[in-house]
N, C-alpha and C. Protein backbone atom coordinates (compact mmCIF):
# COMPACT_ATOMS: atom_id res chain seq x y z
N MET A 1 -30.20 130.92 64.61
CA MET A 1 -30.40 130.06 63.48
C MET A 1 -30.59 128.63 63.99
N LYS A 2 -31.48 127.92 63.38
CA LYS A 2 -31.75 126.54 63.77
C LYS A 2 -30.56 125.65 63.39
N ILE A 3 -30.32 124.62 64.20
CA ILE A 3 -29.25 123.67 63.93
C ILE A 3 -29.89 122.33 63.59
N ARG A 4 -29.44 121.76 62.48
CA ARG A 4 -29.90 120.44 62.05
C ARG A 4 -28.68 119.54 61.90
N TYR A 5 -28.83 118.27 62.18
CA TYR A 5 -27.71 117.33 62.18
C TYR A 5 -27.91 116.24 61.13
N SER A 6 -26.83 115.88 60.46
CA SER A 6 -26.89 114.72 59.57
C SER A 6 -26.91 113.48 60.46
N ARG A 7 -27.34 112.38 59.90
CA ARG A 7 -27.32 111.11 60.65
C ARG A 7 -25.88 110.78 61.04
N ARG A 8 -24.98 111.05 60.13
CA ARG A 8 -23.56 110.78 60.39
C ARG A 8 -23.06 111.57 61.61
N ALA A 9 -23.40 112.85 61.68
CA ALA A 9 -22.97 113.69 62.81
C ALA A 9 -23.56 113.19 64.12
N LEU A 10 -24.83 112.84 64.11
CA LEU A 10 -25.46 112.32 65.32
C LEU A 10 -24.81 111.02 65.76
N SER A 11 -24.50 110.17 64.79
CA SER A 11 -23.84 108.90 65.09
C SER A 11 -22.44 109.14 65.65
N GLN A 12 -21.72 110.09 65.09
CA GLN A 12 -20.38 110.39 65.58
C GLN A 12 -20.42 110.96 66.99
N LEU A 13 -21.37 111.82 67.27
CA LEU A 13 -21.51 112.37 68.61
C LEU A 13 -21.85 111.27 69.61
N ALA A 14 -22.74 110.38 69.22
CA ALA A 14 -23.10 109.25 70.09
C ALA A 14 -21.90 108.33 70.31
N SER A 15 -21.10 108.13 69.29
CA SER A 15 -19.91 107.27 69.41
C SER A 15 -18.89 107.88 70.38
N VAL A 16 -18.71 109.19 70.31
CA VAL A 16 -17.81 109.87 71.24
C VAL A 16 -18.29 109.63 72.67
N HIS A 17 -19.58 109.84 72.87
CA HIS A 17 -20.15 109.68 74.21
C HIS A 17 -20.01 108.24 74.69
N GLU A 18 -20.33 107.27 73.86
CA GLU A 18 -20.26 105.85 74.25
C GLU A 18 -18.82 105.44 74.57
N TYR A 19 -17.88 105.87 73.74
CA TYR A 19 -16.48 105.54 73.96
C TYR A 19 -16.00 106.07 75.31
N LEU A 20 -16.29 107.33 75.57
CA LEU A 20 -15.85 107.93 76.83
C LEU A 20 -16.63 107.41 78.03
N GLN A 21 -17.90 107.14 77.83
CA GLN A 21 -18.76 106.63 78.92
C GLN A 21 -18.19 105.34 79.50
N ALA A 22 -17.65 104.50 78.62
CA ALA A 22 -17.10 103.22 79.08
C ALA A 22 -15.82 103.42 79.90
N ARG A 23 -15.18 104.56 79.74
CA ARG A 23 -13.91 104.82 80.41
C ARG A 23 -14.02 105.81 81.57
N ASN A 24 -14.88 106.81 81.40
CA ASN A 24 -14.99 107.85 82.41
C ASN A 24 -16.31 108.60 82.20
N ARG A 25 -17.29 108.27 82.99
CA ARG A 25 -18.63 108.84 82.83
C ARG A 25 -18.63 110.36 82.89
N SER A 26 -17.89 110.92 83.81
CA SER A 26 -17.83 112.38 83.95
C SER A 26 -17.23 113.03 82.70
N ALA A 27 -16.17 112.44 82.18
CA ALA A 27 -15.54 112.98 80.97
C ALA A 27 -16.50 112.92 79.79
N ALA A 28 -17.25 111.85 79.69
CA ALA A 28 -18.21 111.70 78.59
C ALA A 28 -19.21 112.85 78.59
N GLU A 29 -19.70 113.19 79.76
CA GLU A 29 -20.67 114.28 79.87
C GLU A 29 -20.03 115.63 79.54
N LYS A 30 -18.82 115.85 80.04
CA LYS A 30 -18.13 117.13 79.81
C LYS A 30 -17.81 117.33 78.34
N VAL A 31 -17.30 116.29 77.70
CA VAL A 31 -16.90 116.41 76.30
C VAL A 31 -18.11 116.63 75.40
N THR A 32 -19.14 115.82 75.56
CA THR A 32 -20.31 115.99 74.69
C THR A 32 -21.01 117.32 74.96
N ALA A 33 -21.02 117.78 76.21
CA ALA A 33 -21.61 119.09 76.51
C ALA A 33 -20.80 120.20 75.84
N SER A 34 -19.49 120.06 75.82
CA SER A 34 -18.65 121.08 75.19
C SER A 34 -18.86 121.11 73.67
N ILE A 35 -19.01 119.94 73.07
CA ILE A 35 -19.28 119.87 71.62
C ILE A 35 -20.63 120.50 71.33
N ARG A 36 -21.63 120.17 72.11
CA ARG A 36 -22.96 120.75 71.90
C ARG A 36 -22.94 122.27 72.11
N SER A 37 -22.17 122.73 73.06
CA SER A 37 -22.05 124.16 73.30
C SER A 37 -21.45 124.86 72.08
N ALA A 38 -20.47 124.24 71.45
CA ALA A 38 -19.87 124.81 70.23
C ALA A 38 -20.92 124.91 69.14
N MET A 39 -21.80 123.92 69.06
CA MET A 39 -22.84 123.94 68.04
C MET A 39 -23.90 125.01 68.34
N VAL A 40 -24.17 125.24 69.59
CA VAL A 40 -25.11 126.32 69.96
C VAL A 40 -24.52 127.66 69.53
N ARG A 41 -23.21 127.84 69.75
CA ARG A 41 -22.56 129.07 69.30
C ARG A 41 -22.70 129.23 67.79
N LEU A 42 -22.64 128.12 67.06
CA LEU A 42 -22.83 128.19 65.61
C LEU A 42 -24.22 128.70 65.26
N GLY A 43 -25.21 128.27 66.00
CA GLY A 43 -26.56 128.75 65.76
C GLY A 43 -26.67 130.25 65.97
N GLU A 44 -25.89 130.77 66.90
CA GLU A 44 -25.90 132.20 67.20
C GLU A 44 -25.02 133.00 66.23
N MET A 45 -23.91 132.38 65.80
CA MET A 45 -22.95 133.06 64.91
C MET A 45 -22.47 132.08 63.84
N PRO A 46 -23.29 131.80 62.84
CA PRO A 46 -22.96 130.76 61.86
C PRO A 46 -21.72 131.05 61.02
N LEU A 47 -21.26 132.28 60.98
CA LEU A 47 -20.06 132.60 60.20
C LEU A 47 -18.80 132.52 61.06
N LEU A 48 -18.92 131.96 62.24
CA LEU A 48 -17.82 131.85 63.18
C LEU A 48 -16.70 130.93 62.67
N GLY A 49 -17.07 129.87 61.96
CA GLY A 49 -16.10 128.89 61.50
C GLY A 49 -15.31 129.34 60.30
N LYS A 50 -14.32 128.54 59.95
CA LYS A 50 -13.48 128.82 58.80
C LYS A 50 -13.94 127.98 57.61
N ALA A 51 -13.76 128.53 56.42
CA ALA A 51 -14.06 127.79 55.20
C ALA A 51 -13.07 126.63 55.06
N THR A 52 -13.53 125.53 54.47
CA THR A 52 -12.66 124.40 54.19
C THR A 52 -12.40 124.35 52.68
N ASP A 53 -11.66 123.36 52.25
CA ASP A 53 -11.40 123.19 50.82
C ASP A 53 -12.66 122.73 50.08
N GLU A 54 -13.61 122.20 50.81
CA GLU A 54 -14.87 121.74 50.20
C GLU A 54 -15.83 122.92 50.10
N ALA A 55 -16.33 123.16 48.92
CA ALA A 55 -17.21 124.30 48.66
C ALA A 55 -18.42 124.29 49.61
N GLY A 56 -18.64 125.44 50.27
CA GLY A 56 -19.80 125.60 51.13
C GLY A 56 -19.70 124.96 52.50
N VAL A 57 -18.57 124.32 52.79
CA VAL A 57 -18.41 123.64 54.08
C VAL A 57 -17.45 124.45 54.94
N HIS A 58 -17.86 124.65 56.20
CA HIS A 58 -17.06 125.37 57.17
C HIS A 58 -16.72 124.43 58.33
N VAL A 59 -15.77 124.83 59.13
CA VAL A 59 -15.40 124.03 60.30
C VAL A 59 -15.19 124.96 61.49
N ILE A 60 -15.64 124.51 62.63
CA ILE A 60 -15.36 125.19 63.89
C ILE A 60 -14.68 124.15 64.78
N ILE A 61 -13.70 124.60 65.53
CA ILE A 61 -13.00 123.69 66.43
C ILE A 61 -13.48 123.94 67.85
N GLU A 62 -13.96 122.89 68.46
CA GLU A 62 -14.38 122.95 69.86
C GLU A 62 -13.07 123.09 70.65
N PRO A 63 -12.86 124.20 71.35
CA PRO A 63 -11.53 124.53 71.85
C PRO A 63 -10.98 123.66 72.98
N GLU A 64 -11.81 123.14 73.83
CA GLU A 64 -11.29 122.43 75.00
C GLU A 64 -10.80 121.02 74.67
N TYR A 65 -11.53 120.30 73.82
CA TYR A 65 -11.19 118.91 73.52
C TYR A 65 -10.78 118.69 72.07
N LEU A 66 -10.76 119.76 71.29
CA LEU A 66 -10.28 119.78 69.91
C LEU A 66 -11.10 118.95 68.93
N TYR A 67 -12.40 118.89 69.16
CA TYR A 67 -13.27 118.26 68.16
C TYR A 67 -13.57 119.27 67.07
N ARG A 68 -13.60 118.80 65.84
CA ARG A 68 -13.91 119.65 64.69
C ARG A 68 -15.35 119.37 64.26
N VAL A 69 -16.12 120.41 64.13
CA VAL A 69 -17.52 120.31 63.69
C VAL A 69 -17.59 120.91 62.29
N PHE A 70 -17.89 120.06 61.31
CA PHE A 70 -18.01 120.49 59.92
C PHE A 70 -19.49 120.78 59.64
N TYR A 71 -19.74 121.90 58.99
CA TYR A 71 -21.13 122.30 58.77
C TYR A 71 -21.27 123.14 57.51
N SER A 72 -22.50 123.28 57.08
CA SER A 72 -22.83 124.19 55.99
C SER A 72 -24.04 125.00 56.42
N ILE A 73 -24.30 126.06 55.71
CA ILE A 73 -25.47 126.88 55.99
C ILE A 73 -26.43 126.68 54.83
N ARG A 74 -27.63 126.18 55.16
CA ARG A 74 -28.63 125.85 54.15
C ARG A 74 -29.99 126.38 54.59
N ASP A 75 -30.62 127.12 53.73
CA ASP A 75 -31.99 127.58 54.01
C ASP A 75 -32.14 128.14 55.42
N HIS A 76 -31.24 129.01 55.81
CA HIS A 76 -31.28 129.66 57.12
C HIS A 76 -31.15 128.67 58.28
N GLU A 77 -30.43 127.58 58.03
CA GLU A 77 -30.13 126.58 59.06
C GLU A 77 -28.64 126.27 59.04
N VAL A 78 -28.12 125.93 60.20
CA VAL A 78 -26.77 125.37 60.29
C VAL A 78 -26.95 123.87 60.19
N PHE A 79 -26.34 123.27 59.17
CA PHE A 79 -26.45 121.82 58.96
C PHE A 79 -25.11 121.18 59.33
N VAL A 80 -25.10 120.46 60.44
CA VAL A 80 -23.88 119.81 60.92
C VAL A 80 -23.68 118.53 60.11
N ILE A 81 -22.56 118.47 59.43
CA ILE A 81 -22.27 117.36 58.52
C ILE A 81 -21.56 116.21 59.23
N ARG A 82 -20.50 116.56 60.00
CA ARG A 82 -19.76 115.53 60.71
C ARG A 82 -19.01 116.15 61.89
N ILE A 83 -18.61 115.27 62.81
CA ILE A 83 -17.89 115.68 64.01
C ILE A 83 -16.72 114.73 64.17
N LEU A 84 -15.51 115.28 64.17
CA LEU A 84 -14.31 114.45 64.28
C LEU A 84 -13.37 115.05 65.31
N HIS A 85 -12.62 114.18 65.96
CA HIS A 85 -11.57 114.68 66.85
C HIS A 85 -10.42 115.18 65.99
N GLY A 86 -9.66 116.11 66.50
CA GLY A 86 -8.54 116.70 65.75
C GLY A 86 -7.52 115.68 65.27
N ARG A 87 -7.45 114.53 65.89
CA ARG A 87 -6.51 113.48 65.48
C ARG A 87 -7.08 112.59 64.38
N GLN A 88 -8.36 112.70 64.12
CA GLN A 88 -8.98 111.88 63.08
C GLN A 88 -8.89 112.60 61.74
N THR A 89 -8.91 111.83 60.67
CA THR A 89 -8.92 112.44 59.34
C THR A 89 -10.22 112.20 58.65
């Protein structure tokens, strides 16, 4: 299934990378690659995530760094809504 990103999700992913890049270049690459890998898995298995309290929205947790990827399934696409670290609300 194709994966599409909201502007918000792309901005959040870029912010994660920029924040880590300033502190540890290697970590920035590892974390963003792990988040992207979780999203690729969503494209392969879109029902992998759990339903949230918001109708039609699911979440998958990137296991290594605990980022949460919120998404919906629309017109045979996985639409990534937002990306947050487990400590963020």
